C-alpha cells in the first residue's frame, strides 16, 4: 500500500471525502485530519458581555413566579 497526503481547499473537501469513501474498503484506509481555522479569538468574558448587551431586552424568565416549583415541573417532564 502507498501513502498519499493531500491538502485541499474547504470548498472541495467534502467531495473528495465522498469519493474516497466510495472506493472499496479493502483497498483504501482513509485517515484525515481537519486543521482548525485560525482566527482571532475574543476572550470568553468579552464574548459573554457582548451577548448580554445585545440581548438585554429579552425577558425570558419574567413569567416564573416560583423558580423552584418551575424547575421541578421541568424535571417532571423527563420522567
PDB file of N, CA and C in Angstrom:
ATOM      1  N   UNK A   1       0.841  -1.181   0.000  1.00  0.00           N
ATOM      2  CA  UNK A   1       0.000   0.000   0.000  1.00  0.00           C
ATOM      3  C   UNK A   1       0.883   1.240   0.000  1.00  0.00           C
ATOM      4  N   UNK A   2       0.433   2.291  -0.629  1.00  0.00           N
ATOM      5  CA  UNK A   2       1.135   3.568  -0.695  1.00  0.00           C
ATOM      6  C   UNK A   2       0.406   4.589   0.178  1.00  0.00           C
ATOM      7  N   UNK A   3       1.124   5.579   0.636  1.00  0.00           N
ATOM      8  CA  UNK A   3       0.524   6.652   1.426  1.00  0.00           C
ATOM      9  C   UNK A   3       0.461   7.908   0.574  1.00  0.00           C
ATOM     10  N   UNK A   4      -0.675   8.551   0.617  1.00  0.00           N
ATOM     11  CA  UNK A   4      -0.890   9.774  -0.146  1.00  0.00           C
ATOM     12  C   UNK A   4      -1.383  10.847   0.814  1.00  0.00           C
ATOM     13  N   UNK A   5      -0.734  11.981   0.791  1.00  0.00           N
ATOM     14  CA  UNK A   5      -1.174  13.094   1.634  1.00  0.00           C
ATOM     15  C   UNK A   5      -1.489  14.265   0.718  1.00  0.00           C
ATOM     16  N   UNK A   6      -2.686  14.813   0.861  1.00  0.00           N
ATOM     17  CA  UNK A   6      -3.086  15.940   0.025  1.00  0.00           C
ATOM     18  C   UNK A   6      -3.644  17.051   0.904  1.00  0.00           C
ATOM     19  N   UNK A   7      -3.505  18.257   0.436  1.00  0.00           N
ATOM     20  CA  UNK A   7      -4.144  19.400   1.082  1.00  0.00           C
ATOM     21  C   UNK A   7      -5.146  19.962   0.099  1.00  0.00           C
ATOM     22  N   UNK A   8      -6.380  20.114   0.558  1.00  0.00           N
ATOM     23  CA  UNK A   8      -7.442  20.586  -0.329  1.00  0.00           C
ATOM     24  C   UNK A   8      -8.127  21.792   0.300  1.00  0.00           C
ATOM     25  N   UNK A   9      -8.746  22.594  -0.535  1.00  0.00           N
ATOM     26  CA  UNK A   9      -9.485  23.745  -0.022  1.00  0.00           C
ATOM     27  C   UNK A   9     -10.789  23.262   0.610  1.00  0.00           C
ATOM     28  N   UNK A  10     -11.330  24.081   1.470  1.00  0.00           N
ATOM     29  CA  UNK A  10     -12.578  23.731   2.153  1.00  0.00           C
ATOM     30  C   UNK A  10     -13.712  23.480   1.171  1.00  0.00           C
ATOM     31  N   UNK A  11     -13.683  24.156   0.049  1.00  0.00           N
ATOM     32  CA  UNK A  11     -14.795  24.056  -0.901  1.00  0.00           C
ATOM     33  C   UNK A  11     -14.905  22.682  -1.559  1.00  0.00           C
ATOM     34  N   UNK A  12     -13.814  21.929  -1.646  1.00  0.00           N
ATOM     35  CA  UNK A  12     -13.890  20.607  -2.292  1.00  0.00           C
ATOM     36  C   UNK A  12     -13.634  19.457  -1.322  1.00  0.00           C
ATOM     37  N   UNK A  13     -13.397  19.772  -0.064  1.00  0.00           N
ATOM     38  CA  UNK A  13     -13.084  18.740   0.926  1.00  0.00           C
ATOM     39  C   UNK A  13     -14.154  17.647   0.986  1.00  0.00           C
ATOM     40  N   UNK A  14     -15.402  18.043   1.130  1.00  0.00           N
ATOM     41  CA  UNK A  14     -16.492  17.066   1.244  1.00  0.00           C
ATOM     42  C   UNK A  14     -16.585  16.183   0.004  1.00  0.00           C
ATOM     43  N   UNK A  15     -16.357  16.755  -1.162  1.00  0.00           N
ATOM     44  CA  UNK A  15     -16.424  15.981  -2.402  1.00  0.00           C
ATOM     45  C   UNK A  15     -15.328  14.919  -2.447  1.00  0.00           C
ATOM     46  N   UNK A  16     -14.148  15.291  -2.013  1.00  0.00           N
ATOM     47  CA  UNK A  16     -13.043  14.335  -2.037  1.00  0.00           C
ATOM     48  C   UNK A  16     -13.272  13.222  -1.025  1.00  0.00           C
ATOM     49  N   UNK A  17     -13.722  13.555   0.161  1.00  0.00           N
ATOM     50  CA  UNK A  17     -14.020  12.530   1.165  1.00  0.00           C
ATOM     51  C   UNK A  17     -15.117  11.602   0.659  1.00  0.00           C
ATOM     52  N   UNK A  18     -16.147  12.148   0.045  1.00  0.00           N
ATOM     53  CA  UNK A  18     -17.225  11.326  -0.513  1.00  0.00           C
ATOM     54  C   UNK A  18     -16.671  10.347  -1.544  1.00  0.00           C
ATOM     55  N   UNK A  19     -15.825  10.833  -2.426  1.00  0.00           N
ATOM     56  CA  UNK A  19     -15.224   9.980  -3.447  1.00  0.00           C
ATOM     57  C   UNK A  19     -14.379   8.878  -2.806  1.00  0.00           C
ATOM     58  N   UNK A  20     -13.527   9.245  -1.861  1.00  0.00           N
ATOM     59  CA  UNK A  20     -12.663   8.254  -1.221  1.00  0.00           C
ATOM     60  C   UNK A  20     -13.470   7.196  -0.476  1.00  0.00           C
ATOM     61  N   UNK A  21     -14.547   7.601   0.151  1.00  0.00           N
ATOM     62  CA  UNK A  21     -15.379   6.647   0.881  1.00  0.00           C
ATOM     63  C   UNK A  21     -16.141   5.718  -0.049  1.00  0.00           C
ATOM     64  N   UNK A  22     -16.269   6.092  -1.309  1.00  0.00           N
ATOM     65  CA  UNK A  22     -16.971   5.228  -2.259  1.00  0.00           C
ATOM     66  C   UNK A  22     -16.070   4.124  -2.809  1.00  0.00           C
ATOM     67  N   UNK A  23     -14.781   4.206  -2.563  1.00  0.00           N
ATOM     68  CA  UNK A  23     -13.850   3.175  -3.026  1.00  0.00           C
ATOM     69  C   UNK A  23     -13.964   1.939  -2.138  1.00  0.00           C
ATOM     70  N   UNK A  24     -13.584   0.763  -2.652  1.00  0.00           N
ATOM     71  CA  UNK A  24     -13.674  -0.469  -1.847  1.00  0.00           C
ATOM     72  C   UNK A  24     -12.872  -0.356  -0.549  1.00  0.00           C
ATOM     73  N   UNK A  25     -13.486  -0.757   0.545  1.00  0.00           N
ATOM     74  CA  UNK A  25     -12.883  -0.600   1.868  1.00  0.00           C
ATOM     75  C   UNK A  25     -11.595  -1.403   2.025  1.00  0.00           C
ATOM     76  N   UNK A  26     -11.490  -2.526   1.321  1.00  0.00           N
ATOM     77  CA  UNK A  26     -10.284  -3.339   1.457  1.00  0.00           C
ATOM     78  C   UNK A  26      -9.100  -2.767   0.675  1.00  0.00           C
ATOM     79  N   UNK A  27      -9.336  -1.748  -0.141  1.00  0.00           N
ATOM     80  CA  UNK A  27      -8.272  -1.159  -0.945  1.00  0.00           C
ATOM     81  C   UNK A  27      -7.801   0.196  -0.433  1.00  0.00           C
ATOM     82  N   UNK A  28      -8.515   0.745   0.540  1.00  0.00           N
ATOM     83  CA  UNK A  28      -8.166   2.094   0.996  1.00  0.00           C
ATOM     84  C   UNK A  28      -8.413   2.227   2.496  1.00  0.00           C
ATOM     85  N   UNK A  29      -7.530   2.953   3.131  1.00  0.00           N
ATOM     86  CA  UNK A  29      -7.683   3.289   4.543  1.00  0.00           C
ATOM     87  C   UNK A  29      -7.640   4.813   4.630  1.00  0.00           C
ATOM     88  N   UNK A  30      -8.748   5.423   4.975  1.00  0.00           N
ATOM     89  CA  UNK A  30      -8.840   6.884   4.995  1.00  0.00           C
ATOM     90  C   UNK A  30      -8.495   7.383   6.392  1.00  0.00           C
ATOM     91  N   UNK A  31      -7.501   8.214   6.444  1.00  0.00           N
ATOM     92  CA  UNK A  31      -7.114   8.863   7.687  1.00  0.00           C
ATOM     93  C   UNK A  31      -6.993  10.342   7.379  1.00  0.00           C
ATOM     94  N   UNK A  32      -7.862  11.137   7.952  1.00  0.00           N
ATOM     95  CA  UNK A  32      -7.831  12.561   7.635  1.00  0.00           C
ATOM     96  C   UNK A  32      -7.890  13.388   8.898  1.00  0.00           C
ATOM     97  N   UNK A  33      -7.300  14.540   8.833  1.00  0.00           N
ATOM     98  CA  UNK A  33      -7.335  15.477   9.945  1.00  0.00           C
ATOM     99  C   UNK A  33      -7.794  16.822   9.419  1.00  0.00           C
ATOM    100  N   UNK A  34      -8.559  17.487  10.223  1.00  0.00           N
ATOM    101  CA  UNK A  34      -9.057  18.804   9.842  1.00  0.00           C
ATOM    102  C   UNK A  34      -8.291  19.827  10.664  1.00  0.00           C
ATOM    103  N   UNK A  35      -7.599  20.695   9.980  1.00  0.00           N
ATOM    104  CA  UNK A  35      -6.863  21.743  10.678  1.00  0.00           C
ATOM    105  C   UNK A  35      -7.849  22.812  11.126  1.00  0.00           C
ATOM    106  N   UNK A  36      -7.738  23.239  12.366  1.00  0.00           N
ATOM    107  CA  UNK A  36      -8.650  24.294  12.828  1.00  0.00           C
ATOM    108  C   UNK A  36      -8.391  25.596  12.078  1.00  0.00           C
ATOM    109  N   UNK A  37      -9.461  26.302  11.836  1.00  0.00           N
ATOM    110  CA  UNK A  37      -9.345  27.597  11.183  1.00  0.00           C
ATOM    111  C   UNK A  37      -8.737  28.590  12.164  1.00  0.00           C
ATOM    112  N   UNK A  38      -7.758  29.296  11.714  1.00  0.00           N
ATOM    113  CA  UNK A  38      -7.122  30.281  12.580  1.00  0.00           C
ATOM    114  C   UNK A  38      -7.902  31.585  12.528  1.00  0.00           C
ATOM    115  N   UNK A  39      -8.254  32.089  13.662  1.00  0.00           N
ATOM    116  CA  UNK A  39      -8.927  33.374  13.732  1.00  0.00           C
ATOM    117  C   UNK A  39      -8.625  34.010  15.086  1.00  0.00           C
ATOM    118  N   UNK A  40      -8.820  35.266  15.153  1.00  0.00           N
ATOM    119  CA  UNK A  40      -8.560  35.991  16.388  1.00  0.00           C
ATOM    120  C   UNK A  40      -9.701  35.716  17.362  1.00  0.00           C
ATOM    121  N   UNK A  41      -9.387  35.043  18.452  1.00  0.00           N
ATOM    122  CA  UNK A  41     -10.416  34.736  19.436  1.00  0.00           C
ATOM    123  C   UNK A  41     -10.591  35.906  20.403  1.00  0.00           C
ATOM    124  N   UNK A  42     -11.834  36.169  20.725  1.00  0.00           N
ATOM    125  CA  UNK A  42     -12.118  37.137  21.777  1.00  0.00           C
ATOM    126  C   UNK A  42     -12.031  36.377  23.098  1.00  0.00           C
ATOM    127  N   UNK A  43     -11.799  37.076  24.146  1.00  0.00           N
ATOM    128  CA  UNK A  43     -11.820  36.410  25.436  1.00  0.00           C
ATOM    129  C   UNK A  43     -13.262  36.011  25.741  1.00  0.00           C
ATOM    130  N   UNK A  44     -13.411  34.977  26.514  1.00  0.00           N
ATOM    131  CA  UNK A  44     -14.756  34.493  26.858  1.00  0.00           C
ATOM    132  C   UNK A  44     -15.534  35.583  27.585  1.00  0.00           C
ATOM    133  N   UNK A  45     -14.841  36.310  28.441  1.00  0.00           N
ATOM    134  CA  UNK A  45     -15.506  37.395  29.170  1.00  0.00           C
ATOM    135  C   UNK A  45     -16.081  38.421  28.198  1.00  0.00           C
ATOM    136  N   UNK A  46     -15.302  38.808  27.191  1.00  0.00           N
ATOM    137  CA  UNK A  46     -15.781  39.782  26.208  1.00  0.00           C
ATOM    138  C   UNK A  46     -16.954  39.234  25.408  1.00  0.00           C
ATOM    139  N   UNK A  47     -16.894  37.954  25.054  1.00  0.00           N
ATOM    140  CA  UNK A  47     -17.996  37.353  24.303  1.00  0.00           C
ATOM    141  C   UNK A  47     -19.277  37.342  25.121  1.00  0.00           C
ATOM    142  N   UNK A  48     -19.171  36.983  26.395  1.00  0.00           N
ATOM    143  CA  UNK A  48     -20.353  36.946  27.265  1.00  0.00           C
ATOM    144  C   UNK A  48     -20.930  38.346  27.437  1.00  0.00           C
ATOM    145  N   UNK A  49     -20.065  39.319  27.681  1.00  0.00           N
ATOM    146  CA  UNK A  49     -20.539  40.699  27.834  1.00  0.00           C
ATOM    147  C   UNK A  49     -21.224  41.189  26.561  1.00  0.00           C
ATOM    148  N   UNK A  50     -20.672  40.833  25.417  1.00  0.00           N
ATOM    149  CA  UNK A  50     -21.270  41.235  24.144  1.00  0.00           C
ATOM    150  C   UNK A  50     -22.646  40.602  23.961  1.00  0.00           C
ATOM    151  N   UNK A  51     -22.768  39.319  24.304  1.00  0.00           N
ATOM    152  CA  UNK A  51     -24.061  38.642  24.181  1.00  0.00           C
ATOM    153  C   UNK A  51     -25.105  39.255  25.107  1.00  0.00           C
ATOM    154  N   UNK A  52     -24.709  39.537  26.345  1.00  0.00           N
ATOM    155  CA  UNK A  52     -25.650  40.144  27.278  1.00  0.00           C
ATOM    156  C   UNK A  52     -26.084  41.530  26.818  1.00  0.00           C
ATOM    157  N   UNK A  53     -25.165  42.307  26.285  1.00  0.00           N
ATOM    158  CA  UNK A  53     -25.543  43.653  25.846  1.00  0.00           C
ATOM    159  C   UNK A  53     -26.441  43.610  24.610  1.00  0.00           C
ATOM    160  N   UNK A  54     -26.206  42.670  23.713  1.00  0.00           N
ATOM    161  CA  UNK A  54     -27.050  42.549  22.518  1.00  0.00           C
ATOM    162  C   UNK A  54     -28.456  42.082  22.864  1.00  0.00           C
ATOM    163  N   UNK A  55     -28.580  41.280  23.925  1.00  0.00           N
ATOM    164  CA  UNK A  55     -29.857  40.666  24.259  1.00  0.00           C
ATOM    165  C   UNK A  55     -30.428  41.182  25.574  1.00  0.00           C
ATOM    166  N   UNK A  56     -30.100  42.396  25.934  1.00  0.00           N
ATOM    167  CA  UNK A  56     -30.543  42.939  27.217  1.00  0.00           C
ATOM    168  C   UNK A  56     -32.053  43.156  27.285  1.00  0.00           C
ATOM    169  N   UNK A  57     -32.708  43.221  26.147  1.00  0.00           N
ATOM    170  CA  UNK A  57     -34.153  43.456  26.136  1.00  0.00           C
ATOM    171  C   UNK A  57     -34.974  42.173  26.274  1.00  0.00           C
ATOM    172  N   UNK A  58     -34.341  41.021  26.286  1.00  0.00           N
ATOM    173  CA  UNK A  58     -35.065  39.750  26.404  1.00  0.00           C
ATOM    174  C   UNK A  58     -35.412  39.509  27.871  1.00  0.00           C
ATOM    175  N   UNK A  59     -36.667  39.199  28.113  1.00  0.00           N
ATOM    176  CA  UNK A  59     -37.139  38.928  29.475  1.00  0.00           C
ATOM    177  C   UNK A  59     -37.660  37.499  29.528  1.00  0.00           C
ATOM    178  N   UNK A  60     -36.762  36.545  29.393  1.00  0.00           N
ATOM    179  CA  UNK A  60     -37.133  35.141  29.235  1.00  0.00           C
ATOM    180  C   UNK A  60     -37.807  34.540  30.465  1.00  0.00           C
ATOM    181  N   UNK A  61     -37.412  34.925  31.654  1.00  0.00           N
ATOM    182  CA  UNK A  61     -37.911  34.260  32.852  1.00  0.00           C
ATOM    183  C   UNK A  61     -38.813  35.148  33.701  1.00  0.00           C
ATOM    184  N   UNK A  62     -39.346  36.198  33.130  1.00  0.00           N
ATOM    185  CA  UNK A  62     -40.184  37.121  33.883  1.00  0.00           C
ATOM    186  C   UNK A  62     -41.478  36.470  34.364  1.00  0.00           C
ATOM    187  N   UNK A  63     -41.984  35.486  33.618  1.00  0.00           N
ATOM    188  CA  UNK A  63     -43.252  34.856  33.974  1.00  0.00           C
ATOM    189  C   UNK A  63     -43.141  33.783  35.040  1.00  0.00           C
ATOM    190  N   UNK A  64     -41.963  33.484  35.516  1.00  0.00           N
ATOM    191  CA  UNK A  64     -41.772  32.433  36.521  1.00  0.00           C
ATOM    192  C   UNK A  64     -41.907  33.053  37.906  1.00  0.00           C
ATOM    193  N   UNK A  65     -42.960  32.636  38.611  1.00  0.00           N
ATOM    194  CA  UNK A  65     -43.218  33.181  39.948  1.00  0.00           C
ATOM    195  C   UNK A  65     -42.378  32.473  41.006  1.00  0.00           C
ATOM    196  N   UNK A  66     -42.326  31.115  40.923  1.00  0.00           N
ATOM    197  CA  UNK A  66     -41.593  30.309  41.898  1.00  0.00           C
ATOM    198  C   UNK A  66     -40.550  29.481  41.148  1.00  0.00           C
ATOM    199  N   UNK A  67     -39.285  29.891  41.141  1.00  0.00           N
ATOM    200  CA  UNK A  67     -38.260  29.193  40.366  1.00  0.00           C
ATOM    201  C   UNK A  67     -38.083  27.725  40.759  1.00  0.00           C
ATOM    202  N   UNK A  68     -38.203  27.414  42.047  1.00  0.00           N
ATOM    203  CA  UNK A  68     -38.033  26.027  42.493  1.00  0.00           C
ATOM    204  C   UNK A  68     -39.159  25.159  41.942  1.00  0.00           C
ATOM    205  N   UNK A  69     -40.376  25.631  42.021  1.00  0.00           N
ATOM    206  CA  UNK A  69     -41.521  24.878  41.501  1.00  0.00           C
ATOM    207  C   UNK A  69     -41.425  24.736  39.983  1.00  0.00           C
ATOM    208  N   UNK A  70     -41.006  25.773  39.312  1.00  0.00           N
ATOM    209  CA  UNK A  70     -40.838  25.720  37.854  1.00  0.00           C
ATOM    210  C   UNK A  70     -39.806  24.668  37.479  1.00  0.00           C
ATOM    211  N   UNK A  71     -38.687  24.635  38.210  1.00  0.00           N
ATOM    212  CA  UNK A  71     -37.637  23.659  37.926  1.00  0.00           C
ATOM    213  C   UNK A  71     -38.145  22.233  38.150  1.00  0.00           C
ATOM    214  N   UNK A  72     -38.922  22.023  39.206  1.00  0.00           N
ATOM    215  CA  UNK A  72     -39.487  20.692  39.452  1.00  0.00           C
ATOM    216  C   UNK A  72     -40.412  20.274  38.323  1.00  0.00           C
ATOM    217  N   UNK A  73     -41.212  21.199  37.820  1.00  0.00           N
ATOM    218  CA  UNK A  73     -42.135  20.855  36.733  1.00  0.00           C
ATOM    219  C   UNK A  73     -41.368  20.509  35.454  1.00  0.00           C
ATOM    220  N   UNK A  74     -40.266  21.183  35.208  1.00  0.00           N
ATOM    221  CA  UNK A  74     -39.435  20.858  34.045  1.00  0.00           C
ATOM    222  C   UNK A  74     -38.852  19.462  34.202  1.00  0.00           C
ATOM    223  N   UNK A  75     -38.370  19.137  35.381  1.00  0.00           N
ATOM    224  CA  UNK A  75     -37.797  17.807  35.627  1.00  0.00           C
ATOM    225  C   UNK A  75     -38.853  16.717  35.511  1.00  0.00           C
ATOM    226  N   UNK A  76     -40.093  17.020  35.918  1.00  0.00           N
ATOM    227  CA  UNK A  76     -41.168  16.032  35.819  1.00  0.00           C
ATOM    228  C   UNK A  76     -41.424  15.629  34.370  1.00  0.00           C
ATOM    229  N   UNK A  77     -41.157  16.522  33.436  1.00  0.00           N
ATOM    230  CA  UNK A  77     -41.354  16.205  32.019  1.00  0.00           C
ATOM    231  C   UNK A  77     -40.390  15.128  31.549  1.00  0.00           C
ATOM    232  N   UNK A  78     -39.256  14.968  32.227  1.00  0.00           N
ATOM    233  CA  UNK A  78     -38.249  13.988  31.824  1.00  0.00           C
ATOM    234  C   UNK A  78     -38.616  12.575  32.259  1.00  0.00           C
ATOM    235  N   UNK A  79     -39.507  12.450  33.211  1.00  0.00           N
ATOM    236  CA  UNK A  79     -39.847  11.117  33.739  1.00  0.00           C
ATOM    237  C   UNK A  79     -40.951  10.464  32.963  1.00  0.00           C
TER     238      UNK A  79
END
